[in-house]
């Protein structure tokens, strides 16, 4: 089954490694612009550079999920300027 997510934006939490990383890669391969989100800025930068792209705009958001106040502040700021079609937590 081929899924075409061209023109869609996905926000993927916990995407610096493991399942979150695999989901981010799969979404990018399907054509989505992917916003990867985790604590590790180095891993996020590397992932954004490695995501397949056919013109998508991939980006990262550094978020510490263990601090609700910090998480809420960064998410609120993100959504003031952006929207997403797909959310993977």
N, C-alpha and C. Protein backbone atom coordinates (compact mmCIF):
# COMPACT_ATOMS: atom_id res chain seq x y z
N UNK A 1 0.84 -1.17 0.00
CA UNK A 1 0.00 0.00 0.00
C UNK A 1 0.89 1.24 0.00
N UNK A 2 0.65 2.14 -0.92
CA UNK A 2 1.41 3.38 -1.04
C UNK A 2 0.57 4.51 -0.46
N UNK A 3 1.17 5.28 0.46
CA UNK A 3 0.49 6.42 1.07
C UNK A 3 1.19 7.69 0.59
N UNK A 4 0.40 8.66 0.16
CA UNK A 4 0.95 9.92 -0.30
C UNK A 4 0.57 11.01 0.68
N UNK A 5 1.57 11.53 1.40
CA UNK A 5 1.34 12.58 2.39
C UNK A 5 1.90 13.93 1.95
N UNK A 6 2.08 14.08 0.66
CA UNK A 6 2.59 15.34 0.12
C UNK A 6 1.67 16.49 0.54
N UNK A 7 2.29 17.56 1.03
CA UNK A 7 1.52 18.72 1.47
C UNK A 7 1.06 18.65 2.91
N UNK A 8 1.31 17.55 3.58
CA UNK A 8 0.93 17.37 4.98
C UNK A 8 2.14 17.62 5.88
N UNK A 9 1.87 18.06 7.10
CA UNK A 9 2.92 18.26 8.09
C UNK A 9 2.65 17.35 9.27
N UNK A 10 3.72 16.65 9.70
CA UNK A 10 3.62 15.73 10.83
C UNK A 10 4.52 16.20 11.97
N UNK A 11 4.03 16.13 13.19
CA UNK A 11 4.79 16.42 14.40
C UNK A 11 4.98 15.10 15.13
N UNK A 12 6.25 14.70 15.33
CA UNK A 12 6.55 13.39 15.90
C UNK A 12 7.34 13.56 17.19
N UNK A 13 6.73 13.19 18.32
CA UNK A 13 7.39 13.26 19.62
C UNK A 13 8.33 12.09 19.83
N UNK A 14 9.36 12.32 20.63
CA UNK A 14 10.31 11.26 20.95
C UNK A 14 11.02 10.71 19.73
N UNK A 15 11.34 11.58 18.79
CA UNK A 15 11.81 11.10 17.49
C UNK A 15 13.32 11.09 17.32
N UNK A 16 14.07 11.27 18.39
CA UNK A 16 15.53 11.27 18.23
C UNK A 16 16.09 9.86 18.11
N UNK A 17 15.29 8.84 18.47
CA UNK A 17 15.76 7.46 18.35
C UNK A 17 14.57 6.50 18.37
N UNK A 18 14.86 5.26 18.09
CA UNK A 18 13.86 4.20 18.22
C UNK A 18 12.66 4.34 17.31
N UNK A 19 11.50 3.99 17.86
CA UNK A 19 10.26 3.97 17.11
C UNK A 19 9.89 5.36 16.58
N UNK A 20 10.07 6.40 17.39
CA UNK A 20 9.76 7.75 16.94
C UNK A 20 10.58 8.15 15.73
N UNK A 21 11.86 7.79 15.73
CA UNK A 21 12.73 8.07 14.60
C UNK A 21 12.25 7.32 13.35
N UNK A 22 11.90 6.04 13.53
CA UNK A 22 11.42 5.23 12.41
C UNK A 22 10.13 5.80 11.83
N UNK A 23 9.24 6.25 12.68
CA UNK A 23 7.98 6.85 12.22
C UNK A 23 8.27 8.14 11.45
N UNK A 24 9.18 8.97 11.95
CA UNK A 24 9.53 10.21 11.26
C UNK A 24 10.08 9.93 9.87
N UNK A 25 10.94 8.94 9.77
CA UNK A 25 11.52 8.58 8.47
C UNK A 25 10.42 8.09 7.52
N UNK A 26 9.53 7.23 8.02
CA UNK A 26 8.45 6.70 7.18
C UNK A 26 7.53 7.81 6.69
N UNK A 27 7.21 8.76 7.56
CA UNK A 27 6.35 9.87 7.16
C UNK A 27 7.02 10.74 6.10
N UNK A 28 8.32 10.97 6.26
CA UNK A 28 9.06 11.75 5.26
C UNK A 28 9.11 11.00 3.93
N UNK A 29 9.31 9.68 3.99
CA UNK A 29 9.32 8.89 2.76
C UNK A 29 7.97 8.94 2.05
N UNK A 30 6.90 9.11 2.81
CA UNK A 30 5.56 9.19 2.23
C UNK A 30 5.24 10.60 1.73
N UNK A 31 6.18 11.55 1.92
CA UNK A 31 6.00 12.89 1.37
C UNK A 31 5.67 13.99 2.36
N UNK A 32 5.49 13.65 3.64
CA UNK A 32 5.14 14.67 4.63
C UNK A 32 6.36 15.52 5.00
N UNK A 33 6.11 16.77 5.33
CA UNK A 33 7.10 17.58 6.01
C UNK A 33 7.04 17.18 7.47
N UNK A 34 8.19 16.90 8.06
CA UNK A 34 8.21 16.33 9.41
C UNK A 34 8.89 17.29 10.39
N UNK A 35 8.24 17.49 11.53
CA UNK A 35 8.82 18.23 12.64
C UNK A 35 9.15 17.18 13.70
N UNK A 36 10.45 16.96 13.93
CA UNK A 36 10.87 15.99 14.93
C UNK A 36 11.06 16.69 16.26
N UNK A 37 10.72 16.00 17.33
CA UNK A 37 10.68 16.63 18.64
C UNK A 37 11.26 15.69 19.69
N UNK A 38 12.24 16.18 20.47
CA UNK A 38 12.85 15.42 21.56
C UNK A 38 13.78 16.37 22.33
N UNK A 39 14.54 15.81 23.28
CA UNK A 39 15.47 16.62 24.07
C UNK A 39 16.84 16.79 23.43
N UNK A 40 17.28 15.82 22.66
CA UNK A 40 18.65 15.75 22.17
C UNK A 40 18.81 16.54 20.87
N UNK A 41 19.28 17.77 20.98
CA UNK A 41 19.39 18.64 19.81
C UNK A 41 20.34 18.07 18.76
N UNK A 42 21.41 17.43 19.18
CA UNK A 42 22.36 16.87 18.21
C UNK A 42 21.71 15.77 17.39
N UNK A 43 21.01 14.86 18.08
CA UNK A 43 20.32 13.77 17.37
C UNK A 43 19.23 14.31 16.46
N UNK A 44 18.53 15.35 16.90
CA UNK A 44 17.47 15.93 16.07
C UNK A 44 18.04 16.58 14.81
N UNK A 45 19.13 17.32 14.96
CA UNK A 45 19.76 17.95 13.80
C UNK A 45 20.22 16.89 12.79
N UNK A 46 20.83 15.83 13.30
CA UNK A 46 21.29 14.75 12.43
C UNK A 46 20.12 14.10 11.70
N UNK A 47 19.03 13.87 12.43
CA UNK A 47 17.86 13.25 11.83
C UNK A 47 17.26 14.12 10.73
N UNK A 48 17.12 15.41 10.99
CA UNK A 48 16.56 16.32 9.98
C UNK A 48 17.40 16.28 8.71
N UNK A 49 18.72 16.20 8.86
CA UNK A 49 19.61 16.13 7.69
C UNK A 49 19.45 14.81 6.94
N UNK A 50 19.07 13.74 7.64
CA UNK A 50 18.97 12.41 7.05
C UNK A 50 17.58 12.10 6.49
N UNK A 51 16.57 12.87 6.86
CA UNK A 51 15.22 12.58 6.39
C UNK A 51 15.14 12.72 4.88
N UNK A 52 14.50 11.75 4.23
CA UNK A 52 14.32 11.86 2.79
C UNK A 52 13.49 13.11 2.46
N UNK A 53 13.85 13.76 1.37
CA UNK A 53 13.12 14.97 1.01
C UNK A 53 12.96 15.08 -0.50
N UNK A 54 11.73 15.33 -0.88
CA UNK A 54 11.41 15.66 -2.27
C UNK A 54 10.79 17.06 -2.25
N UNK A 55 11.46 17.96 -1.54
CA UNK A 55 10.98 19.34 -1.45
C UNK A 55 10.31 19.67 -0.13
N UNK A 56 10.19 18.69 0.77
CA UNK A 56 9.57 18.97 2.06
C UNK A 56 10.46 19.88 2.91
N UNK A 57 9.85 20.52 3.88
CA UNK A 57 10.56 21.36 4.83
C UNK A 57 10.56 20.67 6.18
N UNK A 58 11.62 19.94 6.49
CA UNK A 58 11.74 19.26 7.78
C UNK A 58 12.37 20.22 8.79
N UNK A 59 11.97 20.07 10.04
CA UNK A 59 12.54 20.91 11.10
C UNK A 59 12.52 20.15 12.42
N UNK A 60 13.14 20.73 13.43
CA UNK A 60 13.15 20.08 14.74
C UNK A 60 12.71 21.06 15.81
N UNK A 61 12.25 20.48 16.91
CA UNK A 61 11.80 21.24 18.07
C UNK A 61 12.37 20.56 19.31
N UNK A 62 13.23 21.27 20.04
CA UNK A 62 13.84 20.70 21.24
C UNK A 62 12.86 20.89 22.41
N UNK A 63 12.42 19.76 22.96
CA UNK A 63 11.43 19.78 24.04
C UNK A 63 11.82 18.75 25.10
N UNK A 64 11.73 19.17 26.36
CA UNK A 64 11.96 18.26 27.48
C UNK A 64 10.60 17.86 28.03
N UNK A 65 10.19 16.63 27.75
CA UNK A 65 8.87 16.16 28.17
C UNK A 65 8.75 16.00 29.68
N UNK A 66 9.87 16.00 30.40
CA UNK A 66 9.80 15.82 31.86
C UNK A 66 9.41 17.11 32.57
N UNK A 67 9.44 18.24 31.88
CA UNK A 67 9.05 19.52 32.45
C UNK A 67 7.82 20.03 31.73
N UNK A 68 6.66 19.88 32.35
CA UNK A 68 5.42 20.28 31.69
C UNK A 68 5.42 21.76 31.32
N UNK A 69 5.91 22.61 32.22
CA UNK A 69 5.91 24.05 31.95
C UNK A 69 6.75 24.38 30.72
N UNK A 70 7.93 23.79 30.63
CA UNK A 70 8.81 24.01 29.48
C UNK A 70 8.17 23.45 28.21
N UNK A 71 7.63 22.25 28.31
CA UNK A 71 6.97 21.61 27.17
C UNK A 71 5.82 22.48 26.66
N UNK A 72 4.97 22.92 27.57
CA UNK A 72 3.80 23.73 27.19
C UNK A 72 4.23 25.04 26.53
N UNK A 73 5.23 25.67 27.08
CA UNK A 73 5.71 26.94 26.52
C UNK A 73 6.20 26.75 25.08
N UNK A 74 6.99 25.72 24.84
CA UNK A 74 7.53 25.50 23.50
C UNK A 74 6.45 25.07 22.51
N UNK A 75 5.52 24.22 22.96
CA UNK A 75 4.44 23.78 22.09
C UNK A 75 3.51 24.94 21.75
N UNK A 76 3.19 25.75 22.75
CA UNK A 76 2.33 26.92 22.49
C UNK A 76 2.98 27.85 21.48
N UNK A 77 4.27 28.10 21.63
CA UNK A 77 4.98 28.98 20.70
C UNK A 77 5.01 28.37 19.30
N UNK A 78 5.21 27.06 19.21
CA UNK A 78 5.22 26.38 17.92
C UNK A 78 3.88 26.54 17.21
N UNK A 79 2.78 26.29 17.94
CA UNK A 79 1.46 26.32 17.31
C UNK A 79 0.95 27.74 17.04
N UNK A 80 1.58 28.74 17.59
CA UNK A 80 1.22 30.11 17.24
C UNK A 80 1.63 30.43 15.80
N UNK A 81 2.66 29.71 15.29
CA UNK A 81 3.17 29.99 13.95
C UNK A 81 2.99 28.83 12.98
N UNK A 82 2.60 27.67 13.48
CA UNK A 82 2.55 26.46 12.65
C UNK A 82 1.27 25.67 12.90
N UNK A 83 0.96 24.81 11.97
CA UNK A 83 -0.12 23.86 12.16
C UNK A 83 0.37 22.49 11.71
N UNK A 84 -0.29 21.45 12.15
CA UNK A 84 0.08 20.09 11.76
C UNK A 84 -1.16 19.33 11.32
N UNK A 85 -0.94 18.37 10.45
CA UNK A 85 -2.00 17.50 9.99
C UNK A 85 -1.95 16.15 10.67
N UNK A 86 -0.75 15.76 11.12
CA UNK A 86 -0.52 14.44 11.72
C UNK A 86 0.26 14.65 13.01
N UNK A 87 -0.22 14.04 14.10
CA UNK A 87 0.47 14.12 15.38
C UNK A 87 0.77 12.70 15.86
N UNK A 88 2.06 12.45 16.12
CA UNK A 88 2.47 11.16 16.64
C UNK A 88 3.16 11.43 17.98
N UNK A 89 2.58 10.89 19.04
CA UNK A 89 3.11 11.14 20.38
C UNK A 89 3.94 9.96 20.83
